[in-house]
Amino acid sequence: MSYSGAPGPGDPGPAQCSADGPLDPGRSVIEAVECDSARFVDLAPDGGGIQPTYLVLLDVDDDVDVRQLSSTEVLLAPEVQNAVAYFGEQTDSVRVRTRPDRRLAVEEHVEAMREQGSAFEFAGRRFDLEVVAG
């Protein structure tokens, strides 16, 4: 799993974390670690040099226009489900790694949800979602 930055002096680095967001994680989680207020969730094994796809969930301010998501919308894509499942109260961001062939499906799902707001809300948590290549 790739993390941005290396641990500094006295920093213990990433540690295993449990899902403490507003719903349960999916069965596809291989590993979940946290480093400060960021979480990294792995849904795909290391691709051996193939660039993975990431769904990035970022906490947003209260003044952002949000769209309330239904449970169905969140559970429809395992990447979104697991990002929300690991979006605990003290978490600012969640980065979910998935297979490269999932990129188009995840992008289309996020864009379909985005049609009525610039960000999202689920179970009282406000966030934005972005799909990026590793």
N, C-alpha and C. Protein backbone atom coordinates (compact mmCIF):
# COMPACT_ATOMS: atom_id res chain seq x y z
N MET A 1 0.85 -1.16 0.00
CA MET A 1 0.00 0.00 0.00
C MET A 1 0.90 1.22 0.00
N SER A 2 0.53 2.24 -0.75
CA SER A 2 1.38 3.42 -0.78
C SER A 2 0.80 4.51 0.10
N TYR A 3 1.67 5.09 0.88
CA TYR A 3 1.30 6.17 1.79
C TYR A 3 2.09 7.38 1.38
N SER A 4 1.51 8.56 1.56
CA SER A 4 2.27 9.76 1.21
C SER A 4 3.18 10.13 2.36
N GLY A 5 4.45 10.20 2.09
CA GLY A 5 5.42 10.60 3.11
C GLY A 5 5.93 9.42 3.92
N ALA A 6 7.11 9.59 4.45
CA ALA A 6 7.72 8.57 5.31
C ALA A 6 7.59 9.02 6.76
N PRO A 7 7.57 8.07 7.69
CA PRO A 7 7.49 8.46 9.09
C PRO A 7 8.67 9.34 9.49
N GLY A 8 8.40 10.35 10.29
CA GLY A 8 9.46 11.22 10.78
C GLY A 8 10.00 10.70 12.09
N PRO A 9 10.96 11.42 12.68
CA PRO A 9 11.53 11.00 13.95
C PRO A 9 10.44 10.92 15.03
N GLY A 10 10.41 9.83 15.73
CA GLY A 10 9.44 9.64 16.80
C GLY A 10 8.05 9.26 16.32
N ASP A 11 7.83 9.23 15.00
CA ASP A 11 6.54 8.86 14.44
C ASP A 11 6.49 7.35 14.29
N PRO A 12 5.51 6.70 14.90
CA PRO A 12 5.46 5.25 14.82
C PRO A 12 5.06 4.73 13.45
N GLY A 13 4.63 5.62 12.51
CA GLY A 13 4.21 5.20 11.18
C GLY A 13 2.80 4.65 11.21
N PRO A 14 2.38 4.03 10.12
CA PRO A 14 1.01 3.54 10.05
C PRO A 14 0.75 2.41 11.05
N ALA A 15 -0.47 2.38 11.56
CA ALA A 15 -0.89 1.34 12.49
C ALA A 15 -2.21 0.76 11.99
N GLN A 16 -2.45 -0.50 12.29
CA GLN A 16 -3.72 -1.13 11.92
C GLN A 16 -4.87 -0.33 12.52
N CYS A 17 -5.97 -0.24 11.80
CA CYS A 17 -7.13 0.48 12.34
C CYS A 17 -8.39 -0.34 12.09
N SER A 18 -9.39 -0.03 12.86
CA SER A 18 -10.68 -0.71 12.70
C SER A 18 -11.67 0.28 12.13
N ALA A 19 -12.71 -0.26 11.51
CA ALA A 19 -13.76 0.58 10.94
C ALA A 19 -14.57 1.18 12.08
N ASP A 20 -14.59 2.51 12.16
CA ASP A 20 -15.38 3.17 13.18
C ASP A 20 -16.28 4.25 12.58
N GLY A 21 -16.55 4.09 11.28
CA GLY A 21 -17.45 5.00 10.59
C GLY A 21 -18.90 4.61 10.82
N PRO A 22 -19.80 5.24 10.08
CA PRO A 22 -21.23 5.03 10.31
C PRO A 22 -21.84 3.75 9.75
N LEU A 23 -21.02 2.86 9.17
CA LEU A 23 -21.53 1.56 8.72
C LEU A 23 -20.40 0.55 8.73
N ASP A 24 -20.75 -0.71 8.53
CA ASP A 24 -19.75 -1.79 8.54
C ASP A 24 -19.01 -1.84 7.22
N PRO A 25 -17.73 -2.26 7.26
CA PRO A 25 -16.96 -2.40 6.02
C PRO A 25 -17.43 -3.62 5.24
N GLY A 26 -17.06 -3.65 3.97
CA GLY A 26 -17.36 -4.80 3.14
C GLY A 26 -16.37 -5.91 3.40
N ARG A 27 -16.64 -7.06 2.83
CA ARG A 27 -15.78 -8.23 3.02
C ARG A 27 -14.49 -8.15 2.22
N SER A 28 -14.37 -7.19 1.33
CA SER A 28 -13.23 -7.14 0.42
C SER A 28 -11.99 -6.45 0.98
N VAL A 29 -12.02 -5.99 2.23
CA VAL A 29 -10.88 -5.27 2.80
C VAL A 29 -9.73 -6.24 3.08
N ILE A 30 -8.58 -5.95 2.49
CA ILE A 30 -7.37 -6.75 2.70
C ILE A 30 -6.61 -6.21 3.91
N GLU A 31 -6.50 -4.88 3.96
CA GLU A 31 -5.75 -4.23 5.04
C GLU A 31 -6.29 -2.82 5.22
N ALA A 32 -6.27 -2.34 6.45
CA ALA A 32 -6.64 -0.95 6.75
C ALA A 32 -5.68 -0.44 7.80
N VAL A 33 -5.03 0.68 7.48
CA VAL A 33 -4.08 1.29 8.41
C VAL A 33 -4.39 2.78 8.52
N GLU A 34 -3.89 3.37 9.60
CA GLU A 34 -4.05 4.80 9.78
C GLU A 34 -2.71 5.43 10.14
N CYS A 35 -2.59 6.68 9.77
CA CYS A 35 -1.43 7.47 10.11
C CYS A 35 -1.96 8.86 10.44
N ASP A 36 -1.93 9.22 11.70
CA ASP A 36 -2.55 10.45 12.20
C ASP A 36 -4.04 10.43 11.87
N SER A 37 -4.55 11.41 11.10
CA SER A 37 -5.98 11.48 10.81
C SER A 37 -6.33 10.94 9.43
N ALA A 38 -5.38 10.27 8.78
CA ALA A 38 -5.62 9.68 7.46
C ALA A 38 -5.69 8.17 7.56
N ARG A 39 -6.57 7.59 6.77
CA ARG A 39 -6.70 6.14 6.74
C ARG A 39 -6.49 5.64 5.32
N PHE A 40 -5.90 4.46 5.21
CA PHE A 40 -5.59 3.84 3.93
C PHE A 40 -6.20 2.44 3.94
N VAL A 41 -7.12 2.20 3.02
CA VAL A 41 -7.84 0.93 2.97
C VAL A 41 -7.49 0.26 1.66
N ASP A 42 -7.10 -1.00 1.74
CA ASP A 42 -6.67 -1.76 0.57
C ASP A 42 -7.73 -2.79 0.21
N LEU A 43 -8.28 -2.67 -1.01
CA LEU A 43 -9.25 -3.65 -1.50
C LEU A 43 -8.66 -4.54 -2.58
N ALA A 44 -7.42 -4.25 -2.97
CA ALA A 44 -6.78 -5.00 -4.05
C ALA A 44 -5.36 -5.36 -3.64
N PRO A 45 -4.92 -6.56 -3.99
CA PRO A 45 -3.52 -6.91 -3.71
C PRO A 45 -2.59 -6.06 -4.57
N ASP A 46 -1.33 -5.99 -4.18
CA ASP A 46 -0.34 -5.24 -4.93
C ASP A 46 -0.36 -5.73 -6.37
N GLY A 47 -0.49 -4.79 -7.31
CA GLY A 47 -0.63 -5.14 -8.72
C GLY A 47 0.66 -5.40 -9.44
N GLY A 48 1.77 -5.46 -8.75
CA GLY A 48 3.05 -5.76 -9.39
C GLY A 48 3.42 -4.75 -10.46
N GLY A 49 3.31 -3.47 -10.15
CA GLY A 49 3.70 -2.43 -11.10
C GLY A 49 2.54 -1.85 -11.87
N ILE A 50 1.36 -2.44 -11.80
CA ILE A 50 0.20 -1.89 -12.47
C ILE A 50 -0.37 -0.79 -11.59
N GLN A 51 -0.66 0.36 -12.20
CA GLN A 51 -1.13 1.51 -11.44
C GLN A 51 -2.55 1.27 -10.92
N PRO A 52 -2.74 1.27 -9.60
CA PRO A 52 -4.07 1.04 -9.04
C PRO A 52 -4.96 2.27 -9.16
N THR A 53 -6.20 2.11 -8.82
CA THR A 53 -7.16 3.21 -8.75
C THR A 53 -7.45 3.48 -7.29
N TYR A 54 -7.61 4.75 -6.94
CA TYR A 54 -7.92 5.13 -5.57
C TYR A 54 -9.22 5.94 -5.55
N LEU A 55 -10.05 5.65 -4.56
CA LEU A 55 -11.17 6.52 -4.22
C LEU A 55 -10.73 7.27 -2.98
N VAL A 56 -10.72 8.60 -3.07
CA VAL A 56 -10.26 9.42 -1.95
C VAL A 56 -11.48 10.14 -1.36
N LEU A 57 -11.68 9.95 -0.06
CA LEU A 57 -12.74 10.62 0.68
C LEU A 57 -12.08 11.68 1.54
N LEU A 58 -12.57 12.92 1.45
CA LEU A 58 -12.02 14.04 2.22
C LEU A 58 -13.12 14.72 3.01
N ASP A 59 -12.84 15.00 4.27
CA ASP A 59 -13.76 15.74 5.13
C ASP A 59 -13.95 17.14 4.53
N VAL A 60 -15.18 17.69 4.58
CA VAL A 60 -15.43 19.03 4.05
C VAL A 60 -16.03 19.92 5.14
N ASP A 61 -15.95 21.22 4.90
CA ASP A 61 -16.49 22.22 5.83
C ASP A 61 -18.01 22.17 5.86
N ASP A 62 -18.57 22.74 6.90
CA ASP A 62 -20.02 22.77 7.06
C ASP A 62 -20.72 23.68 6.05
N ASP A 63 -20.00 24.64 5.46
CA ASP A 63 -20.64 25.59 4.55
C ASP A 63 -20.71 25.10 3.10
N VAL A 64 -20.27 23.89 2.83
CA VAL A 64 -20.30 23.32 1.49
C VAL A 64 -21.69 22.74 1.21
N ASP A 65 -22.18 22.95 -0.02
CA ASP A 65 -23.47 22.40 -0.44
C ASP A 65 -23.33 20.88 -0.57
N VAL A 66 -24.12 20.14 0.20
CA VAL A 66 -24.00 18.68 0.19
C VAL A 66 -25.29 18.02 -0.28
N ARG A 67 -25.15 16.81 -0.75
CA ARG A 67 -26.27 15.97 -1.16
C ARG A 67 -26.32 14.79 -0.20
N GLN A 68 -27.48 14.55 0.39
CA GLN A 68 -27.68 13.41 1.30
C GLN A 68 -27.68 12.12 0.48
N LEU A 69 -26.83 11.17 0.85
CA LEU A 69 -26.77 9.89 0.16
C LEU A 69 -27.64 8.86 0.86
N SER A 70 -28.22 7.98 0.09
CA SER A 70 -29.00 6.87 0.65
C SER A 70 -28.05 5.71 0.94
N SER A 71 -28.49 4.79 1.76
CA SER A 71 -27.71 3.58 2.04
C SER A 71 -27.44 2.81 0.76
N THR A 72 -28.41 2.76 -0.12
CA THR A 72 -28.24 2.04 -1.39
C THR A 72 -27.10 2.63 -2.20
N GLU A 73 -27.03 3.96 -2.30
CA GLU A 73 -25.95 4.60 -3.06
C GLU A 73 -24.58 4.30 -2.47
N VAL A 74 -24.50 4.30 -1.16
CA VAL A 74 -23.22 4.05 -0.49
C VAL A 74 -22.81 2.58 -0.65
N LEU A 75 -23.77 1.68 -0.51
CA LEU A 75 -23.45 0.25 -0.55
C LEU A 75 -23.28 -0.29 -1.97
N LEU A 76 -23.67 0.47 -2.98
CA LEU A 76 -23.60 -0.01 -4.36
C LEU A 76 -22.17 -0.23 -4.84
N ALA A 77 -21.22 0.54 -4.35
CA ALA A 77 -19.81 0.40 -4.74
C ALA A 77 -18.99 0.07 -3.50
N PRO A 78 -18.26 -1.05 -3.50
CA PRO A 78 -17.47 -1.41 -2.31
C PRO A 78 -16.44 -0.35 -1.93
N GLU A 79 -15.96 0.40 -2.90
CA GLU A 79 -14.99 1.46 -2.61
C GLU A 79 -15.63 2.56 -1.75
N VAL A 80 -16.86 2.96 -2.11
CA VAL A 80 -17.56 3.99 -1.35
C VAL A 80 -17.94 3.44 0.02
N GLN A 81 -18.47 2.23 0.06
CA GLN A 81 -18.86 1.61 1.34
C GLN A 81 -17.68 1.59 2.31
N ASN A 82 -16.53 1.16 1.85
CA ASN A 82 -15.38 1.04 2.74
C ASN A 82 -14.79 2.40 3.10
N ALA A 83 -14.84 3.37 2.20
CA ALA A 83 -14.38 4.72 2.55
C ALA A 83 -15.23 5.27 3.68
N VAL A 84 -16.55 5.12 3.58
CA VAL A 84 -17.45 5.61 4.62
C VAL A 84 -17.29 4.80 5.91
N ALA A 85 -17.08 3.50 5.79
CA ALA A 85 -16.93 2.64 6.98
C ALA A 85 -15.71 3.02 7.81
N TYR A 86 -14.66 3.52 7.17
CA TYR A 86 -13.43 3.90 7.89
C TYR A 86 -13.35 5.41 8.15
N PHE A 87 -14.43 6.15 7.87
CA PHE A 87 -14.46 7.60 8.08
C PHE A 87 -14.98 7.89 9.49
N GLY A 88 -14.13 7.64 10.47
CA GLY A 88 -14.48 7.85 11.87
C GLY A 88 -14.44 9.32 12.26
N GLU A 89 -14.85 9.60 13.47
CA GLU A 89 -14.94 10.99 13.95
C GLU A 89 -13.61 11.74 13.90
N GLN A 90 -12.49 11.09 14.15
CA GLN A 90 -11.19 11.75 14.17
C GLN A 90 -10.44 11.61 12.84
N THR A 91 -11.15 11.24 11.78
CA THR A 91 -10.53 10.98 10.48
C THR A 91 -10.81 12.13 9.53
N ASP A 92 -9.77 12.64 8.86
CA ASP A 92 -9.91 13.71 7.89
C ASP A 92 -9.98 13.20 6.45
N SER A 93 -9.37 12.03 6.21
CA SER A 93 -9.39 11.48 4.85
C SER A 93 -9.26 9.96 4.88
N VAL A 94 -9.82 9.35 3.85
CA VAL A 94 -9.70 7.91 3.67
C VAL A 94 -9.33 7.68 2.20
N ARG A 95 -8.31 6.88 1.98
CA ARG A 95 -7.85 6.57 0.62
C ARG A 95 -8.02 5.07 0.42
N VAL A 96 -8.93 4.70 -0.50
CA VAL A 96 -9.25 3.30 -0.75
C VAL A 96 -8.60 2.87 -2.06
N ARG A 97 -7.73 1.88 -1.99
CA ARG A 97 -7.08 1.36 -3.20
C ARG A 97 -7.89 0.20 -3.73
N THR A 98 -8.13 0.23 -5.05
CA THR A 98 -8.88 -0.84 -5.69
C THR A 98 -8.20 -1.22 -7.01
N ARG A 99 -8.74 -2.20 -7.68
CA ARG A 99 -8.15 -2.68 -8.94
C ARG A 99 -8.28 -1.61 -10.04
N PRO A 100 -7.31 -1.55 -10.94
CA PRO A 100 -7.36 -0.56 -12.03
C PRO A 100 -8.61 -0.71 -12.90
N ASP A 101 -9.10 -1.92 -13.08
CA ASP A 101 -10.27 -2.12 -13.94
C ASP A 101 -11.56 -1.63 -13.30
N ARG A 102 -11.53 -1.19 -12.05
CA ARG A 102 -12.69 -0.64 -11.36
C ARG A 102 -12.83 0.88 -11.55
N ARG A 103 -11.81 1.51 -12.15
CA ARG A 103 -11.79 2.97 -12.22
C ARG A 103 -13.03 3.55 -12.90
N LEU A 104 -13.38 3.09 -14.07
CA LEU A 104 -14.51 3.65 -14.79
C LEU A 104 -15.82 3.47 -14.02
N ALA A 105 -16.04 2.29 -13.45
CA ALA A 105 -17.26 2.05 -12.69
C ALA A 105 -17.35 2.97 -11.47
N VAL A 106 -16.24 3.15 -10.76
CA VAL A 106 -16.23 4.01 -9.57
C VAL A 106 -16.43 5.47 -9.97
N GLU A 107 -15.74 5.91 -11.03
CA GLU A 107 -15.92 7.29 -11.51
C GLU A 107 -17.37 7.56 -11.89
N GLU A 108 -17.99 6.64 -12.63
CA GLU A 108 -19.38 6.82 -13.05
C GLU A 108 -20.32 6.87 -11.85
N HIS A 109 -20.06 6.02 -10.85
CA HIS A 109 -20.90 6.00 -9.65
C HIS A 109 -20.79 7.32 -8.89
N VAL A 110 -19.59 7.82 -8.70
CA VAL A 110 -19.38 9.09 -7.98
C VAL A 110 -20.03 10.24 -8.76
N GLU A 111 -19.85 10.28 -10.06
CA GLU A 111 -20.44 11.36 -10.85
C GLU A 111 -21.96 11.30 -10.84
N ALA A 112 -22.54 10.12 -10.86
CA ALA A 112 -24.00 9.99 -10.78
C ALA A 112 -24.51 10.52 -9.44
N MET A 113 -23.78 10.25 -8.37
CA MET A 113 -24.18 10.75 -7.05
C MET A 113 -24.00 12.26 -6.95
N ARG A 114 -23.02 12.80 -7.66
CA ARG A 114 -22.67 14.23 -7.56
C ARG A 114 -23.66 15.13 -8.29
N GLU A 115 -24.56 14.62 -9.07
CA GLU A 115 -25.45 15.44 -9.90
C GLU A 115 -26.20 16.51 -9.14
N GLN A 116 -26.45 16.34 -7.85
CA GLN A 116 -27.28 17.30 -7.11
C GLN A 116 -26.55 17.98 -5.96
N GLY A 117 -25.24 18.02 -5.97
CA GLY A 117 -24.51 18.69 -4.90
C GLY A 117 -23.02 18.63 -5.16
N SER A 118 -22.29 19.51 -4.51
CA SER A 118 -20.84 19.52 -4.73
C SER A 118 -20.11 18.56 -3.80
N ALA A 119 -20.78 18.13 -2.74
CA ALA A 119 -20.20 17.17 -1.79
C ALA A 119 -21.34 16.28 -1.27
N PHE A 120 -21.02 15.43 -0.31
CA PHE A 120 -21.99 14.43 0.13
C PHE A 120 -22.14 14.43 1.65
N GLU A 121 -23.26 13.86 2.09
CA GLU A 121 -23.49 13.64 3.51
C GLU A 121 -24.11 12.26 3.68
N PHE A 122 -23.60 11.53 4.68
CA PHE A 122 -24.17 10.24 5.03
C PHE A 122 -24.02 10.06 6.53
N ALA A 123 -25.10 9.75 7.20
CA ALA A 123 -25.11 9.50 8.65
C ALA A 123 -24.45 10.65 9.43
N GLY A 124 -24.73 11.88 9.00
CA GLY A 124 -24.22 13.04 9.71
C GLY A 124 -22.79 13.42 9.39
N ARG A 125 -22.12 12.67 8.53
CA ARG A 125 -20.74 12.99 8.14
C ARG A 125 -20.74 13.61 6.75
N ARG A 126 -20.00 14.72 6.59
CA ARG A 126 -19.92 15.46 5.33
C ARG A 126 -18.56 15.20 4.70
N PHE A 127 -18.56 14.93 3.37
CA PHE A 127 -17.31 14.59 2.70
C PHE A 127 -17.42 14.79 1.21
N ASP A 128 -16.27 14.78 0.56
CA ASP A 128 -16.20 14.80 -0.90
C ASP A 128 -15.51 13.52 -1.34
N LEU A 129 -15.74 13.12 -2.57
CA LEU A 129 -15.14 11.91 -3.13
C LEU A 129 -14.44 12.25 -4.44
N GLU A 130 -13.28 11.64 -4.66
CA GLU A 130 -12.53 11.84 -5.89
C GLU A 130 -11.89 10.51 -6.29
N VAL A 131 -11.91 10.21 -7.58
CA VAL A 131 -11.28 9.00 -8.09
C VAL A 131 -10.00 9.41 -8.80
N VAL A 132 -8.88 8.78 -8.40
CA VAL A 132 -7.58 9.11 -8.99
C VAL A 132 -6.81 7.83 -9.31
N ALA A 133 -5.91 7.95 -10.28
CA ALA A 133 -5.01 6.85 -10.59
C ALA A 133 -3.80 6.96 -9.69
N GLY A 134 -3.26 5.81 -9.28
CA GLY A 134 -2.15 5.77 -8.35
C GLY A 134 -0.92 6.33 -8.93
